[in-house]
Amino acid sequence: MATPIILFDNRFLDGTPTATSTAPGFSVLNIRDGKTYTHWRAVGAGANFITVDCGVARSADCLAIIGHNLGTANASVFVETSTDNASWTDRFPRFIPSSDRALFVTFPLTFARFWRFGTVTTTAIPFLAVVMLGNRLTFPFPPDTPYIPCRESIEAESAIGKTGQILGSVMRFKPIEISARFSNLTRAWVMNNFMPFWNSHASNLRPFFWAWDITAFPDMVFFVTIDKESSFEMPMSILPFIDSIELNMKGVMEI
């Protein structure tokens, strides 16, 4: 089993992103607001870019997207960097997503002042809800077993006839719950890597991407927040380790 990855860092927050074209009512700023129900939409097909000037060289090693039509649009997807906003270099081989589900792509750590996300379509107009481009948080080993990748339930309204038969149902959404427990993480890793994520992002109930095994299950990428009803503990009885930490996450299954 590969080790889980979290992405909460985002270069598109380091400056004001600009797009080659934007349809009225679909601001490019929507890609960084953390909401899956707001979108950026291009004016037309062809090559479309979203660019950000970070002011100084900043690093990134992964890309995650949710709420898009890139698979349906048969879009070629890529990330490029530049030092002068004129000459651009691809950061990973361009590819076409196999579906419109959330995607997570990793690439070698790169520093650059200018970053841009690009798509090329032939006829379909691309749209994007959330795009994160930043540095991933990689756990040093898999979660404790047995691990359940996702618990899915159903929120729906059903009409029941006088004989008890279901006359019809209206699906509202499918909430998901994910719990991951890690035992005997080193204190150094927790303090230097995990706690910045927890203190600045997760504990404020800000959304992030979670991919528990991107190698074997690349389609199992979830956009989640910490469950507000959960508590966070770091028991320490074995030096130099944290006995365990547990993440309780909630989100919505893509339909």
Protein backbone atom coordinates (compact mmCIF):
# COMPACT_ATOMS: atom_id res chain seq x y z
CA MET A 1 0.00 0.00 0.00
CA ALA A 2 1.29 3.45 -0.90
CA THR A 3 1.42 6.16 1.74
CA PRO A 4 -1.43 8.70 1.95
CA ILE A 5 -1.04 12.18 0.52
CA ILE A 6 -2.68 15.45 1.52
CA LEU A 7 -2.71 18.63 -0.55
CA PHE A 8 -3.73 21.86 1.16
CA ASP A 9 -0.97 24.16 -0.10
CA ASN A 10 -1.84 26.26 -3.16
CA ARG A 11 0.27 28.51 -5.38
CA PHE A 12 -2.91 30.12 -6.71
CA LEU A 13 -3.21 31.84 -3.32
CA ASP A 14 0.24 33.45 -3.67
CA GLY A 15 -0.97 35.94 -6.27
CA THR A 16 -4.04 36.82 -8.29
CA PRO A 17 -4.61 34.16 -10.97
CA THR A 18 -5.44 35.31 -14.49
CA ALA A 19 -7.01 33.30 -17.31
CA THR A 20 -6.65 33.57 -21.06
CA SER A 21 -10.45 33.83 -21.26
CA THR A 22 -13.30 33.81 -18.76
CA ALA A 23 -17.01 33.45 -19.44
CA PRO A 24 -19.22 36.09 -17.75
CA GLY A 25 -20.22 35.01 -14.25
CA PHE A 26 -17.50 32.36 -13.95
CA SER A 27 -14.55 34.21 -12.35
CA VAL A 28 -11.15 32.53 -12.39
CA LEU A 29 -10.93 33.35 -8.66
CA ASN A 30 -13.49 30.60 -8.10
CA ILE A 31 -10.78 27.96 -8.55
CA ARG A 32 -9.19 28.92 -5.23
CA ASP A 33 -12.23 29.51 -2.99
CA GLY A 34 -12.47 25.86 -1.90
CA LYS A 35 -16.07 25.53 -3.10
CA THR A 36 -17.09 22.78 -5.48
CA TYR A 37 -20.28 24.60 -6.52
CA THR A 38 -18.54 27.68 -7.98
CA HIS A 39 -16.62 27.43 -11.25
CA TRP A 40 -14.30 29.11 -13.69
CA ARG A 41 -15.36 28.57 -17.28
CA ALA A 42 -13.48 29.52 -20.43
CA VAL A 43 -15.13 31.40 -23.28
CA GLY A 44 -14.28 28.79 -25.86
CA ALA A 45 -12.37 25.63 -26.67
CA GLY A 46 -8.71 25.48 -27.69
CA ALA A 47 -5.77 26.31 -25.43
CA ASN A 48 -6.72 27.88 -22.09
CA PHE A 49 -4.30 28.87 -19.36
CA ILE A 50 -4.63 29.99 -15.75
CA THR A 51 -1.46 31.77 -14.62
CA VAL A 52 -0.24 33.06 -11.27
CA ASP A 53 2.74 35.26 -10.42
CA CYS A 54 3.95 34.22 -6.96
CA GLY A 55 6.21 37.28 -6.69
CA VAL A 56 9.21 35.10 -5.81
CA ALA A 57 10.15 31.53 -6.65
CA ARG A 58 7.80 29.14 -4.82
CA SER A 59 7.75 25.37 -4.86
CA ALA A 60 5.19 22.75 -5.86
CA ASP A 61 5.19 19.02 -6.52
CA CYS A 62 1.55 18.10 -7.17
CA LEU A 63 -1.74 19.17 -8.71
CA ALA A 64 -5.27 18.29 -7.61
CA ILE A 65 -8.61 19.22 -9.20
CA ILE A 66 -12.26 18.54 -8.40
CA GLY A 67 -15.44 19.70 -10.15
CA HIS A 68 -14.34 19.67 -13.77
CA ASN A 69 -15.28 18.34 -17.21
CA LEU A 70 -11.77 17.55 -18.42
CA GLY A 71 -12.48 13.88 -19.08
CA THR A 72 -15.71 14.57 -20.97
CA ALA A 73 -14.00 17.39 -22.86
CA ASN A 74 -11.13 15.08 -23.86
CA ALA A 75 -8.82 17.80 -22.58
CA SER A 76 -5.05 17.62 -22.59
CA VAL A 77 -3.93 18.72 -19.10
CA PHE A 78 -0.57 20.16 -18.08
CA VAL A 79 1.32 22.38 -15.63
CA GLU A 80 4.07 24.74 -16.74
CA THR A 81 6.57 27.00 -14.99
CA SER A 82 8.52 30.06 -16.03
CA THR A 83 11.08 32.48 -14.65
CA ASP A 84 10.07 35.34 -16.95
CA ASN A 85 6.39 34.72 -17.86
CA ALA A 86 7.50 34.17 -21.47
CA SER A 87 9.39 30.87 -21.77
CA TRP A 88 7.50 27.92 -20.29
CA THR A 89 8.50 24.37 -19.27
CA ASP A 90 6.16 21.41 -18.74
CA ARG A 91 6.39 19.82 -15.29
CA PHE A 92 4.94 16.42 -16.22
CA PRO A 93 3.88 14.64 -19.44
CA ARG A 94 0.60 16.01 -20.75
CA PHE A 95 -2.35 13.64 -20.38
CA ILE A 96 -6.12 13.35 -20.85
CA PRO A 97 -8.06 12.47 -17.67
CA SER A 98 -10.05 9.25 -17.94
CA SER A 99 -13.09 10.75 -16.20
CA ASP A 100 -14.50 13.90 -14.60
CA ARG A 101 -13.75 12.64 -11.11
CA ALA A 102 -11.24 14.33 -8.80
CA LEU A 103 -7.67 13.91 -9.97
CA PHE A 104 -4.31 14.06 -8.20
CA VAL A 105 -1.00 14.31 -10.08
CA THR A 106 2.48 14.33 -8.57
CA PHE A 107 5.70 15.54 -10.19
CA PRO A 108 9.28 16.35 -9.12
CA LEU A 109 9.65 19.27 -6.71
CA THR A 110 10.09 22.48 -8.69
CA PHE A 111 10.71 26.12 -7.74
CA ALA A 112 9.40 28.90 -9.98
CA ARG A 113 7.95 32.39 -9.77
CA PHE A 114 5.36 31.88 -12.51
CA TRP A 115 3.07 28.85 -12.56
CA ARG A 116 0.25 28.03 -14.93
CA PHE A 117 -2.30 25.30 -15.40
CA GLY A 118 -3.33 24.60 -18.97
CA THR A 119 -5.88 22.64 -20.96
CA VAL A 120 -6.30 22.09 -24.68
CA THR A 121 -9.68 20.98 -26.04
CA THR A 122 -10.99 20.66 -29.58
CA THR A 123 -14.68 21.54 -29.22
CA ALA A 124 -15.73 21.40 -25.55
CA ILE A 125 -15.37 24.42 -23.26
CA PRO A 126 -13.52 23.51 -20.04
CA PHE A 127 -14.67 24.41 -16.55
CA LEU A 128 -13.01 23.96 -13.15
CA ALA A 129 -14.31 24.26 -9.58
CA VAL A 130 -11.27 23.77 -7.33
CA VAL A 131 -7.63 23.67 -8.42
CA MET A 132 -4.75 23.27 -5.98
CA LEU A 133 -1.13 23.39 -7.07
CA GLY A 134 1.39 23.09 -4.27
CA ASN A 135 3.51 20.94 -1.98
CA ARG A 136 2.06 17.64 -0.85
CA LEU A 137 2.11 16.34 2.70
CA THR A 138 3.11 12.68 2.48
CA PHE A 139 2.68 10.37 5.46
CA PRO A 140 5.72 8.18 6.19
CA PHE A 141 3.71 4.95 6.13
CA PRO A 142 0.14 3.68 5.50
CA PRO A 143 -2.68 3.98 8.07
CA ASP A 144 -3.16 1.36 10.74
CA THR A 145 -5.06 -1.71 9.56
CA PRO A 146 -7.81 -2.59 9.05
CA TYR A 147 -8.27 0.60 7.03
CA ILE A 148 -11.58 1.48 5.35
CA PRO A 149 -10.88 3.87 2.46
CA CYS A 150 -14.35 5.45 2.57
CA ARG A 151 -17.70 5.04 4.32
CA GLU A 152 -20.53 6.17 2.07
CA SER A 153 -24.13 6.84 3.09
CA ILE A 154 -27.17 8.21 1.26
CA GLU A 155 -29.20 11.37 1.73
CA ALA A 156 -32.41 10.98 -0.28
CA GLU A 157 -36.14 11.56 -0.19
CA SER A 158 -38.38 8.59 -0.98
CA ALA A 159 -42.12 8.39 -1.53
CA ILE A 160 -43.74 5.28 -0.02
CA GLY A 161 -47.11 3.94 -1.23
CA LYS A 162 -49.91 2.65 0.99
CA THR A 163 -48.66 -0.89 0.53
CA GLY A 164 -45.13 0.05 1.58
CA GLN A 165 -43.70 0.04 -1.93
CA ILE A 166 -41.18 2.71 -2.90
CA LEU A 167 -42.85 4.94 -5.50
CA GLY A 168 -39.74 6.93 -6.27
CA SER A 169 -36.63 8.49 -4.74
CA VAL A 170 -34.80 11.77 -5.19
CA MET A 171 -31.11 11.54 -4.47
CA ARG A 172 -29.83 14.60 -2.63
CA PHE A 173 -26.17 13.70 -2.04
CA LYS A 174 -23.91 10.93 -0.76
CA PRO A 175 -21.99 11.96 2.36
CA ILE A 176 -18.72 10.16 3.05
CA GLU A 177 -16.67 9.60 6.18
CA ILE A 178 -12.98 8.70 6.26
CA SER A 179 -10.99 7.80 9.35
CA ALA A 180 -7.26 7.16 9.29
CA ARG A 181 -5.16 6.32 12.34
CA PHE A 182 -1.36 6.37 12.38
CA SER A 183 0.65 4.82 15.21
CA ASN A 184 4.19 5.62 16.29
CA LEU A 185 4.88 8.56 14.06
CA THR A 186 8.09 10.31 15.03
CA ARG A 187 7.64 13.49 17.02
CA ALA A 188 9.92 15.30 14.59
CA TRP A 189 7.71 14.41 11.61
CA VAL A 190 4.50 15.32 13.42
CA MET A 191 5.81 18.66 14.68
CA ASN A 192 7.61 19.70 11.50
CA ASN A 193 5.24 18.33 8.85
CA PHE A 194 1.80 17.50 10.22
CA MET A 195 1.23 20.28 12.76
CA PRO A 196 1.64 23.16 10.24
CA PHE A 197 -1.16 21.52 8.21
CA TRP A 198 -3.30 21.02 11.29
CA ASN A 199 -2.77 24.46 12.84
CA SER A 200 -3.09 26.60 9.71
CA HIS A 201 -5.63 24.62 7.73
CA ALA A 202 -7.33 21.48 9.01
CA SER A 203 -8.33 22.75 12.46
CA ASN A 204 -9.97 25.74 10.77
CA LEU A 205 -12.19 23.32 8.81
CA ARG A 206 -10.71 24.36 5.50
CA PRO A 207 -11.02 21.73 2.73
CA PHE A 208 -8.12 19.69 1.38
CA PHE A 209 -7.44 16.78 -0.95
CA TRP A 210 -6.85 13.29 0.49
CA ALA A 211 -5.46 10.44 -1.62
CA TRP A 212 -4.82 7.28 0.39
CA ASP A 213 -3.10 5.18 -2.32
CA ILE A 214 -2.57 7.19 -5.49
CA THR A 215 -0.56 4.38 -7.09
CA ALA A 216 -3.04 1.51 -6.82
CA PHE A 217 -6.25 3.56 -6.62
CA PRO A 218 -5.71 6.86 -8.54
CA ASP A 219 -9.48 7.44 -8.79
CA MET A 220 -9.94 7.38 -5.01
CA VAL A 221 -9.20 11.06 -4.45
CA PHE A 222 -11.43 12.88 -1.98
CA PHE A 223 -12.02 16.56 -1.20
CA VAL A 224 -12.72 16.70 2.51
CA THR A 225 -12.67 18.66 5.74
CA ILE A 226 -12.02 17.54 9.27
CA ASP A 227 -15.18 16.37 11.02
CA LYS A 228 -16.12 19.28 13.29
CA GLU A 229 -17.44 16.83 15.89
CA SER A 230 -14.07 15.09 16.22
CA SER A 231 -11.23 15.94 18.60
CA PHE A 232 -7.48 15.85 18.03
CA GLU A 233 -5.07 14.15 20.42
CA MET A 234 -1.35 13.36 20.45
CA PRO A 235 -0.64 10.85 23.24
CA MET A 236 3.08 10.60 23.97
CA SER A 237 4.29 7.68 26.04
CA ILE A 238 7.01 6.20 23.86
CA LEU A 239 10.01 8.40 23.12
CA PRO A 240 10.67 9.74 20.49
CA PHE A 241 7.26 8.92 19.01
CA ILE A 242 3.70 10.14 19.04
CA ASP A 243 1.68 7.09 20.12
CA SER A 244 -1.01 7.82 17.54
CA ILE A 245 -2.90 10.50 15.68
CA GLU A 246 -6.28 10.07 14.04
CA LEU A 247 -7.88 12.03 11.23
CA ASN A 248 -11.66 11.97 10.98
CA MET A 249 -12.74 13.49 7.68
CA LYS A 250 -16.02 14.25 5.96
CA GLY A 251 -16.96 15.05 2.39
CA VAL A 252 -19.38 14.27 -0.42
CA MET A 253 -19.04 11.44 -2.92
CA GLU A 254 -18.93 12.56 -6.53
CA ILE A 255 -21.94 11.29 -8.47
